[in-house]
Amino acid sequence: MVNAAVAAGTDSRLRANAAQPSRLRLTFSDKAMFYGVFSLLRENQAMDVVAAAQAYNRKAVRLEWHQFCDPTLAFTEEGYDEMLSLWRDKAGARNMPTRNDMTARDLKNFLRNILLFERTQKNPSRYLWRLSGTRVTEVVGHHTGQLVDESVPPEHLERWSESFDMILASEQPWRFFGRVRIKGREYLHAEHLHLPLANDNGEPAYIMGLCRYKPLCAETDDLWENELASLPGGLL
């Protein structure tokens, strides 16, 4: 068990990723501390974020989803800090901002890479495409105004629904990354920032994504291992 001082310090680092985001470089000692802090987060959060991430990532391996999640926000690429800072500033003392807090003027630097979904039903959850930037549309197609379960291939629906439910339940930002599994776009690698947003009643109801894509360096057998290796310790 980590001592209280170390745990408190590292817990603050995890929670500060949204408040003061930056590229997170994990050393061996960082990973060791994460293991201890993860156990404390299980006790201190309404949702067991680490257990949820572990379950999701293990399922991703088993079902070959080629997509993983990371609540520590250990991005491998630049360009997410500004969006994270905006989300945190708009949230203020609340767990998250509302959808209406995130105005078009606020998002002008990101609109090309933005996605927005709304949960329209619970148990089971159903989601509606609300907004899709031009760069995202180039990859996933145009689906604004459609329900996700009526527009996403059936083999991908479970992954999408579980991801969205987890983001809203946790009320915190998440990093998702992996190989694009859309026909004709398999040559792309994706790294996304997903942010929960509340409705006017303060209930988690929207998911905003900042989506970035880049071509895969090569079609190699070790691509799968490289994706797994980019997960911080304790998340698989």
C-alpha atoms as a PDB file:
ATOM      1  CA  MET A   1       0.000   0.000   0.000  1.00  0.00           C
ATOM      2  CA  VAL A   2       1.363   3.419  -0.896  1.00  0.00           C
ATOM      3  CA  ASN A   3       1.761   5.885   1.920  1.00  0.00           C
ATOM      4  CA  ALA A   4      -0.752   8.733   2.247  1.00  0.00           C
ATOM      5  CA  ALA A   5       1.612  11.475   1.059  1.00  0.00           C
ATOM      6  CA  VAL A   6       2.631   9.655  -2.113  1.00  0.00           C
ATOM      7  CA  ALA A   7      -0.942   8.598  -2.817  1.00  0.00           C
ATOM      8  CA  ALA A   8      -2.277  12.101  -2.349  1.00  0.00           C
ATOM      9  CA  GLY A   9       0.378  13.560  -4.617  1.00  0.00           C
ATOM     10  CA  THR A  10      -0.163  11.058  -7.376  1.00  0.00           C
ATOM     11  CA  ASP A  11      -3.933  11.212  -7.018  1.00  0.00           C
ATOM     12  CA  SER A  12      -3.636  14.956  -7.593  1.00  0.00           C
ATOM     13  CA  ARG A  13      -1.573  14.320 -10.743  1.00  0.00           C
ATOM     14  CA  LEU A  14      -4.262  12.047 -12.139  1.00  0.00           C
ATOM     15  CA  ARG A  15      -7.053  14.491 -11.399  1.00  0.00           C
ATOM     16  CA  ALA A  16      -4.991  17.426 -12.683  1.00  0.00           C
ATOM     17  CA  ASN A  17      -4.755  16.003 -16.206  1.00  0.00           C
ATOM     18  CA  ALA A  18      -8.021  17.719 -17.083  1.00  0.00           C
ATOM     19  CA  ALA A  19      -7.236  20.871 -15.116  1.00  0.00           C
ATOM     20  CA  GLN A  20      -3.678  21.321 -16.398  1.00  0.00           C
ATOM     21  CA  PRO A  21      -3.413  18.905 -19.331  1.00  0.00           C
ATOM     22  CA  SER A  22      -0.133  17.971 -20.914  1.00  0.00           C
ATOM     23  CA  ARG A  23       1.486  15.013 -22.592  1.00  0.00           C
ATOM     24  CA  LEU A  24       1.983  12.430 -19.879  1.00  0.00           C
ATOM     25  CA  ARG A  25       5.297  10.575 -19.957  1.00  0.00           C
ATOM     26  CA  LEU A  26       5.163   7.603 -17.620  1.00  0.00           C
ATOM     27  CA  THR A  27       8.374   6.407 -16.018  1.00  0.00           C
ATOM     28  CA  PHE A  28       8.717   3.133 -14.151  1.00  0.00           C
ATOM     29  CA  SER A  29       8.203   4.928 -10.825  1.00  0.00           C
ATOM     30  CA  ASP A  30       5.137   6.722 -12.223  1.00  0.00           C
ATOM     31  CA  LYS A  31       3.573   3.380 -13.119  1.00  0.00           C
ATOM     32  CA  ALA A  32       4.358   1.958  -9.693  1.00  0.00           C
ATOM     33  CA  MET A  33       2.589   4.874  -8.034  1.00  0.00           C
ATOM     34  CA  PHE A  34      -0.378   4.571 -10.387  1.00  0.00           C
ATOM     35  CA  TYR A  35      -0.989   1.036  -9.129  1.00  0.00           C
ATOM     36  CA  GLY A  36      -1.294   2.306  -5.562  1.00  0.00           C
ATOM     37  CA  VAL A  37      -3.413   5.306  -6.456  1.00  0.00           C
ATOM     38  CA  PHE A  38      -5.757   3.190  -8.558  1.00  0.00           C
ATOM     39  CA  SER A  39      -6.717   1.295  -5.414  1.00  0.00           C
ATOM     40  CA  LEU A  40      -7.499   4.586  -3.667  1.00  0.00           C
ATOM     41  CA  LEU A  41      -9.570   5.805  -6.610  1.00  0.00           C
ATOM     42  CA  ARG A  42     -11.671   2.678  -6.271  1.00  0.00           C
ATOM     43  CA  GLU A  43     -12.554   3.785  -2.741  1.00  0.00           C
ATOM     44  CA  ASN A  44     -12.977   7.500  -3.436  1.00  0.00           C
ATOM     45  CA  GLN A  45     -15.002   7.567  -6.667  1.00  0.00           C
ATOM     46  CA  ALA A  46     -18.636   6.608  -7.180  1.00  0.00           C
ATOM     47  CA  MET A  47     -17.535   4.745 -10.298  1.00  0.00           C
ATOM     48  CA  ASP A  48     -14.533   2.448 -10.203  1.00  0.00           C
ATOM     49  CA  VAL A  49     -12.800   4.078 -13.172  1.00  0.00           C
ATOM     50  CA  VAL A  50      -9.779   1.803 -13.154  1.00  0.00           C
ATOM     51  CA  ALA A  51     -11.824  -1.395 -12.975  1.00  0.00           C
ATOM     52  CA  ALA A  52     -14.018  -0.118 -15.798  1.00  0.00           C
ATOM     53  CA  ALA A  53     -10.955   0.673 -17.941  1.00  0.00           C
ATOM     54  CA  GLN A  54      -9.393  -2.703 -17.198  1.00  0.00           C
ATOM     55  CA  ALA A  55     -12.603  -4.556 -18.061  1.00  0.00           C
ATOM     56  CA  TYR A  56     -13.009  -2.590 -21.275  1.00  0.00           C
ATOM     57  CA  ASN A  57      -9.394  -3.092 -22.388  1.00  0.00           C
ATOM     58  CA  ARG A  58      -9.401  -6.811 -21.597  1.00  0.00           C
ATOM     59  CA  LYS A  59     -12.615  -7.202 -23.545  1.00  0.00           C
ATOM     60  CA  ALA A  60     -11.027  -5.242 -26.408  1.00  0.00           C
ATOM     61  CA  VAL A  61      -8.174  -7.743 -26.514  1.00  0.00           C
ATOM     62  CA  ARG A  62     -10.501 -10.734 -26.328  1.00  0.00           C
ATOM     63  CA  LEU A  63     -12.835  -9.482 -29.057  1.00  0.00           C
ATOM     64  CA  GLU A  64     -10.079  -7.830 -31.141  1.00  0.00           C
ATOM     65  CA  TRP A  65     -11.715  -4.405 -31.032  1.00  0.00           C
ATOM     66  CA  HIS A  66      -8.348  -2.732 -31.745  1.00  0.00           C
ATOM     67  CA  GLN A  67      -9.421   0.155 -29.505  1.00  0.00           C
ATOM     68  CA  PHE A  68      -8.380   0.875 -25.931  1.00  0.00           C
ATOM     69  CA  CYS A  69      -9.290   3.398 -23.262  1.00  0.00           C
ATOM     70  CA  ASP A  70      -7.116   5.409 -20.897  1.00  0.00           C
ATOM     71  CA  PRO A  71      -8.536   7.577 -18.061  1.00  0.00           C
ATOM     72  CA  THR A  72      -5.034   8.933 -17.247  1.00  0.00           C
ATOM     73  CA  LEU A  73      -5.011  10.844 -20.571  1.00  0.00           C
ATOM     74  CA  ALA A  74      -1.516   9.726 -21.574  1.00  0.00           C
ATOM     75  CA  PHE A  75      -1.766  11.137 -25.098  1.00  0.00           C
ATOM     76  CA  THR A  76       0.998  10.257 -27.537  1.00  0.00           C
ATOM     77  CA  GLU A  77       0.259  13.221 -29.808  1.00  0.00           C
ATOM     78  CA  GLU A  78       0.085  16.973 -29.204  1.00  0.00           C
ATOM     79  CA  GLY A  79      -3.053  19.054 -29.568  1.00  0.00           C
ATOM     80  CA  TYR A  80      -5.441  18.048 -26.795  1.00  0.00           C
ATOM     81  CA  ASP A  81      -4.401  20.480 -24.059  1.00  0.00           C
ATOM     82  CA  GLU A  82      -6.445  23.431 -25.283  1.00  0.00           C
ATOM     83  CA  MET A  83      -9.663  21.416 -25.457  1.00  0.00           C
ATOM     84  CA  LEU A  84      -9.088  19.922 -22.015  1.00  0.00           C
ATOM     85  CA  SER A  85      -8.454  23.370 -20.557  1.00  0.00           C
ATOM     86  CA  LEU A  86     -11.626  24.720 -22.145  1.00  0.00           C
ATOM     87  CA  TRP A  87     -13.690  21.844 -20.734  1.00  0.00           C
ATOM     88  CA  ARG A  88     -12.233  22.351 -17.265  1.00  0.00           C
ATOM     89  CA  ASP A  89     -12.705  26.128 -17.325  1.00  0.00           C
ATOM     90  CA  LYS A  90     -16.321  25.770 -18.401  1.00  0.00           C
ATOM     91  CA  ALA A  91     -16.972  23.177 -15.691  1.00  0.00           C
ATOM     92  CA  GLY A  92     -15.763  25.434 -12.890  1.00  0.00           C
ATOM     93  CA  ALA A  93     -16.756  23.837  -9.575  1.00  0.00           C
ATOM     94  CA  ARG A  94     -19.067  21.343 -11.292  1.00  0.00           C
ATOM     95  CA  ASN A  95     -18.113  17.847 -12.397  1.00  0.00           C
ATOM     96  CA  MET A  96     -18.581  18.851 -16.028  1.00  0.00           C
ATOM     97  CA  PRO A  97     -19.887  21.734 -18.131  1.00  0.00           C
ATOM     98  CA  THR A  98     -23.263  21.642 -19.868  1.00  0.00           C
ATOM     99  CA  ARG A  99     -23.701  21.266 -23.591  1.00  0.00           C
ATOM    100  CA  ASN A 100     -24.781  24.900 -23.819  1.00  0.00           C
ATOM    101  CA  ASP A 101     -21.589  26.027 -22.076  1.00  0.00           C
ATOM    102  CA  MET A 102     -19.540  24.859 -25.075  1.00  0.00           C
ATOM    103  CA  THR A 103     -20.394  27.485 -27.681  1.00  0.00           C
ATOM    104  CA  ALA A 104     -19.450  27.536 -31.349  1.00  0.00           C
ATOM    105  CA  ARG A 105     -17.127  30.451 -30.643  1.00  0.00           C
ATOM    106  CA  ASP A 106     -15.379  28.432 -27.929  1.00  0.00           C
ATOM    107  CA  LEU A 107     -14.973  25.491 -30.297  1.00  0.00           C
ATOM    108  CA  LYS A 108     -13.913  27.368 -33.412  1.00  0.00           C
ATOM    109  CA  ASN A 109     -10.382  25.928 -33.307  1.00  0.00           C
ATOM    110  CA  PHE A 110     -11.696  22.357 -33.081  1.00  0.00           C
ATOM    111  CA  LEU A 111     -14.864  22.231 -35.197  1.00  0.00           C
ATOM    112  CA  ARG A 112     -13.279  20.243 -38.034  1.00  0.00           C
ATOM    113  CA  ASN A 113     -12.404  17.426 -35.617  1.00  0.00           C
ATOM    114  CA  ILE A 114     -15.434  17.518 -33.310  1.00  0.00           C
ATOM    115  CA  LEU A 115     -18.050  14.858 -32.648  1.00  0.00           C
ATOM    116  CA  LEU A 116     -21.111  15.294 -30.451  1.00  0.00           C
ATOM    117  CA  PHE A 117     -23.516  12.578 -29.303  1.00  0.00           C
ATOM    118  CA  GLU A 118     -26.604  12.779 -27.105  1.00  0.00           C
ATOM    119  CA  ARG A 119     -27.977   9.936 -24.996  1.00  0.00           C
ATOM    120  CA  THR A 120     -31.676   9.781 -25.777  1.00  0.00           C
ATOM    121  CA  GLN A 121     -32.559   6.645 -23.788  1.00  0.00           C
ATOM    122  CA  LYS A 122     -31.228   4.636 -20.850  1.00  0.00           C
ATOM    123  CA  ASN A 123     -31.355   0.908 -20.037  1.00  0.00           C
ATOM    124  CA  PRO A 124     -30.513   0.185 -22.762  1.00  0.00           C
ATOM    125  CA  SER A 125     -28.745   3.338 -23.832  1.00  0.00           C
ATOM    126  CA  ARG A 126     -29.370   4.842 -27.236  1.00  0.00           C
ATOM    127  CA  TYR A 127     -27.332   7.666 -28.708  1.00  0.00           C
ATOM    128  CA  LEU A 128     -27.976  10.269 -31.393  1.00  0.00           C
ATOM    129  CA  TRP A 129     -25.380  11.889 -33.651  1.00  0.00           C
ATOM    130  CA  ARG A 130     -25.690  15.641 -32.980  1.00  0.00           C
ATOM    131  CA  LEU A 131     -22.622  17.047 -34.717  1.00  0.00           C
ATOM    132  CA  SER A 132     -19.795  15.774 -36.883  1.00  0.00           C
ATOM    133  CA  GLY A 133     -16.895  17.910 -38.112  1.00  0.00           C
ATOM    134  CA  THR A 134     -15.714  17.747 -41.691  1.00  0.00           C
ATOM    135  CA  ARG A 135     -12.558  15.776 -40.909  1.00  0.00           C
ATOM    136  CA  VAL A 136     -14.532  13.233 -38.886  1.00  0.00           C
ATOM    137  CA  THR A 137     -17.163  12.948 -41.605  1.00  0.00           C
ATOM    138  CA  GLU A 138     -14.426  12.140 -44.125  1.00  0.00           C
ATOM    139  CA  VAL A 139     -13.563   9.072 -42.025  1.00  0.00           C
ATOM    140  CA  VAL A 140     -16.857   7.837 -40.536  1.00  0.00           C
ATOM    141  CA  GLY A 141     -19.383   9.265 -43.006  1.00  0.00           C
ATOM    142  CA  HIS A 142     -22.241  11.723 -42.516  1.00  0.00           C
ATOM    143  CA  HIS A 143     -24.673  10.612 -39.784  1.00  0.00           C
ATOM    144  CA  THR A 144     -25.867  13.813 -38.106  1.00  0.00           C
ATOM    145  CA  GLY A 145     -29.441  13.353 -36.880  1.00  0.00           C
ATOM    146  CA  GLN A 146     -29.249   9.556 -36.985  1.00  0.00           C
ATOM    147  CA  LEU A 147     -29.315   7.115 -34.100  1.00  0.00           C
ATOM    148  CA  VAL A 148     -26.023   5.333 -33.536  1.00  0.00           C
ATOM    149  CA  ASP A 149     -27.646   1.887 -33.454  1.00  0.00           C
ATOM    150  CA  GLU A 150     -29.170   2.559 -36.871  1.00  0.00           C
ATOM    151  CA  SER A 151     -26.004   3.871 -38.506  1.00  0.00           C
ATOM    152  CA  VAL A 152     -23.060   1.955 -37.028  1.00  0.00           C
ATOM    153  CA  PRO A 153     -22.293  -1.562 -38.314  1.00  0.00           C
ATOM    154  CA  PRO A 154     -23.713  -4.138 -35.850  1.00  0.00           C
ATOM    155  CA  GLU A 155     -20.273  -5.588 -35.111  1.00  0.00           C
ATOM    156  CA  HIS A 156     -19.147  -2.189 -33.759  1.00  0.00           C
ATOM    157  CA  LEU A 157     -22.267  -1.222 -31.791  1.00  0.00           C
ATOM    158  CA  GLU A 158     -21.338  -2.951 -28.523  1.00  0.00           C
ATOM    159  CA  ARG A 159     -17.970  -1.184 -28.438  1.00  0.00           C
ATOM    160  CA  TRP A 160     -19.487   2.223 -29.147  1.00  0.00           C
ATOM    161  CA  SER A 161     -22.270   1.846 -26.572  1.00  0.00           C
ATOM    162  CA  GLU A 162     -19.955   0.599 -23.821  1.00  0.00           C
ATOM    163  CA  SER A 163     -17.527   3.444 -24.484  1.00  0.00           C
ATOM    164  CA  PHE A 164     -20.227   6.110 -24.286  1.00  0.00           C
ATOM    165  CA  ASP A 165     -21.869   4.645 -21.184  1.00  0.00           C
ATOM    166  CA  MET A 166     -18.509   4.523 -19.422  1.00  0.00           C
ATOM    167  CA  ILE A 167     -17.696   8.152 -20.253  1.00  0.00           C
ATOM    168  CA  LEU A 168     -21.021   9.434 -18.922  1.00  0.00           C
ATOM    169  CA  ALA A 169     -20.938   7.236 -15.806  1.00  0.00           C
ATOM    170  CA  SER A 170     -17.434   8.403 -14.888  1.00  0.00           C
ATOM    171  CA  GLU A 171     -18.128  12.122 -15.470  1.00  0.00           C
ATOM    172  CA  GLN A 172     -14.504  12.633 -16.523  1.00  0.00           C
ATOM    173  CA  PRO A 173     -12.407  12.946 -19.708  1.00  0.00           C
ATOM    174  CA  TRP A 174     -11.112   9.808 -21.423  1.00  0.00           C
ATOM    175  CA  ARG A 175      -8.541   8.984 -24.059  1.00  0.00           C
ATOM    176  CA  PHE A 176      -9.479   6.353 -26.656  1.00  0.00           C
ATOM    177  CA  PHE A 177      -7.045   5.107 -29.257  1.00  0.00           C
ATOM    178  CA  GLY A 178      -6.512   2.338 -31.748  1.00  0.00           C
ATOM    179  CA  ARG A 179      -6.901   1.291 -35.337  1.00  0.00           C
ATOM    180  CA  VAL A 180      -9.883   2.524 -37.331  1.00  0.00           C
ATOM    181  CA  ARG A 181     -12.211  -0.411 -38.105  1.00  0.00           C
ATOM    182  CA  ILE A 182     -14.334   1.235 -40.796  1.00  0.00           C
ATOM    183  CA  LYS A 183     -14.241  -0.368 -44.238  1.00  0.00           C
ATOM    184  CA  GLY A 184     -11.856   1.513 -46.477  1.00  0.00           C
ATOM    185  CA  ARG A 185     -10.273   3.404 -43.570  1.00  0.00           C
ATOM    186  CA  GLU A 186      -8.279   0.586 -41.953  1.00  0.00           C
ATOM    187  CA  TYR A 187      -5.039   2.367 -42.831  1.00  0.00           C
ATOM    188  CA  LEU A 188      -5.760   5.019 -40.182  1.00  0.00           C
ATOM    189  CA  HIS A 189      -4.856   5.180 -36.504  1.00  0.00           C
ATOM    190  CA  ALA A 190      -7.118   7.179 -34.206  1.00  0.00           C
ATOM    191  CA  GLU A 191      -6.464   8.943 -30.912  1.00  0.00           C
ATOM    192  CA  HIS A 192      -9.493  10.697 -29.433  1.00  0.00           C
ATOM    193  CA  LEU A 193     -10.333  12.807 -26.412  1.00  0.00           C
ATOM    194  CA  HIS A 194     -13.894  12.201 -25.196  1.00  0.00           C
ATOM    195  CA  LEU A 195     -15.557  14.597 -22.759  1.00  0.00           C
ATOM    196  CA  PRO A 196     -18.863  14.226 -20.878  1.00  0.00           C
ATOM    197  CA  LEU A 197     -21.318  17.132 -20.922  1.00  0.00           C
ATOM    198  CA  ALA A 198     -24.470  17.694 -18.892  1.00  0.00           C
ATOM    199  CA  ASN A 199     -27.942  18.690 -19.999  1.00  0.00           C
ATOM    200  CA  ASP A 200     -29.759  21.692 -18.529  1.00  0.00           C
ATOM    201  CA  ASN A 201     -30.722  19.603 -15.480  1.00  0.00           C
ATOM    202  CA  GLY A 202     -27.081  18.822 -14.708  1.00  0.00           C
ATOM    203  CA  GLU A 203     -27.395  15.178 -15.784  1.00  0.00           C
ATOM    204  CA  PRO A 204     -24.628  13.571 -17.913  1.00  0.00           C
ATOM    205  CA  ALA A 205     -26.222  13.358 -21.342  1.00  0.00           C
ATOM    206  CA  TYR A 206     -23.748  14.383 -24.062  1.00  0.00           C
ATOM    207  CA  ILE A 207     -20.353  13.198 -25.238  1.00  0.00           C
ATOM    208  CA  MET A 208     -18.063  15.536 -27.140  1.00  0.00           C
ATOM    209  CA  GLY A 209     -15.079  14.081 -28.940  1.00  0.00           C
ATOM    210  CA  LEU A 210     -11.948  15.699 -30.310  1.00  0.00           C
ATOM    211  CA  CYS A 211     -10.942  13.165 -32.948  1.00  0.00           C
ATOM    212  CA  ARG A 212      -7.548  12.918 -34.610  1.00  0.00           C
ATOM    213  CA  TYR A 213      -6.486  10.461 -37.301  1.00  0.00           C
ATOM    214  CA  LYS A 214      -3.172   9.671 -38.935  1.00  0.00           C
ATOM    215  CA  PRO A 215      -2.005   6.992 -41.373  1.00  0.00           C
ATOM    216  CA  LEU A 216      -0.479   3.873 -39.879  1.00  0.00           C
ATOM    217  CA  CYS A 217       3.282   3.747 -40.233  1.00  0.00           C
ATOM    218  CA  ALA A 218       3.223   0.171 -41.534  1.00  0.00           C
ATOM    219  CA  GLU A 219       1.103  -2.957 -41.680  1.00  0.00           C
ATOM    220  CA  THR A 220       3.180  -4.879 -39.162  1.00  0.00           C
ATOM    221  CA  ASP A 221       2.436  -7.772 -36.862  1.00  0.00           C
ATOM    222  CA  ASP A 222       3.656  -5.814 -33.844  1.00  0.00           C
ATOM    223  CA  LEU A 223       1.081  -3.009 -34.271  1.00  0.00           C
ATOM    224  CA  TRP A 224      -1.187  -4.704 -31.729  1.00  0.00           C
ATOM    225  CA  GLU A 225       1.665  -4.951 -29.226  1.00  0.00           C
ATOM    226  CA  ASN A 226       2.587  -1.289 -29.787  1.00  0.00           C
ATOM    227  CA  GLU A 227      -0.963  -0.209 -29.002  1.00  0.00           C
ATOM    228  CA  LEU A 228      -0.993  -2.261 -25.821  1.00  0.00           C
ATOM    229  CA  ALA A 229       2.406  -0.872 -24.836  1.00  0.00           C
ATOM    230  CA  SER A 230       1.068   2.678 -24.924  1.00  0.00           C
ATOM    231  CA  LEU A 231      -1.371   1.895 -22.081  1.00  0.00           C
ATOM    232  CA  PRO A 232      -0.219   3.156 -18.650  1.00  0.00           C
ATOM    233  CA  GLY A 233       0.449   0.394 -16.137  1.00  0.00           C
ATOM    234  CA  GLY A 234      -2.564  -1.088 -14.379  1.00  0.00           C
ATOM    235  CA  LEU A 235      -5.058  -0.519 -17.204  1.00  0.00           C
ATOM    236  CA  LEU A 236      -4.958  -4.003 -18.733  1.00  0.00           C
END
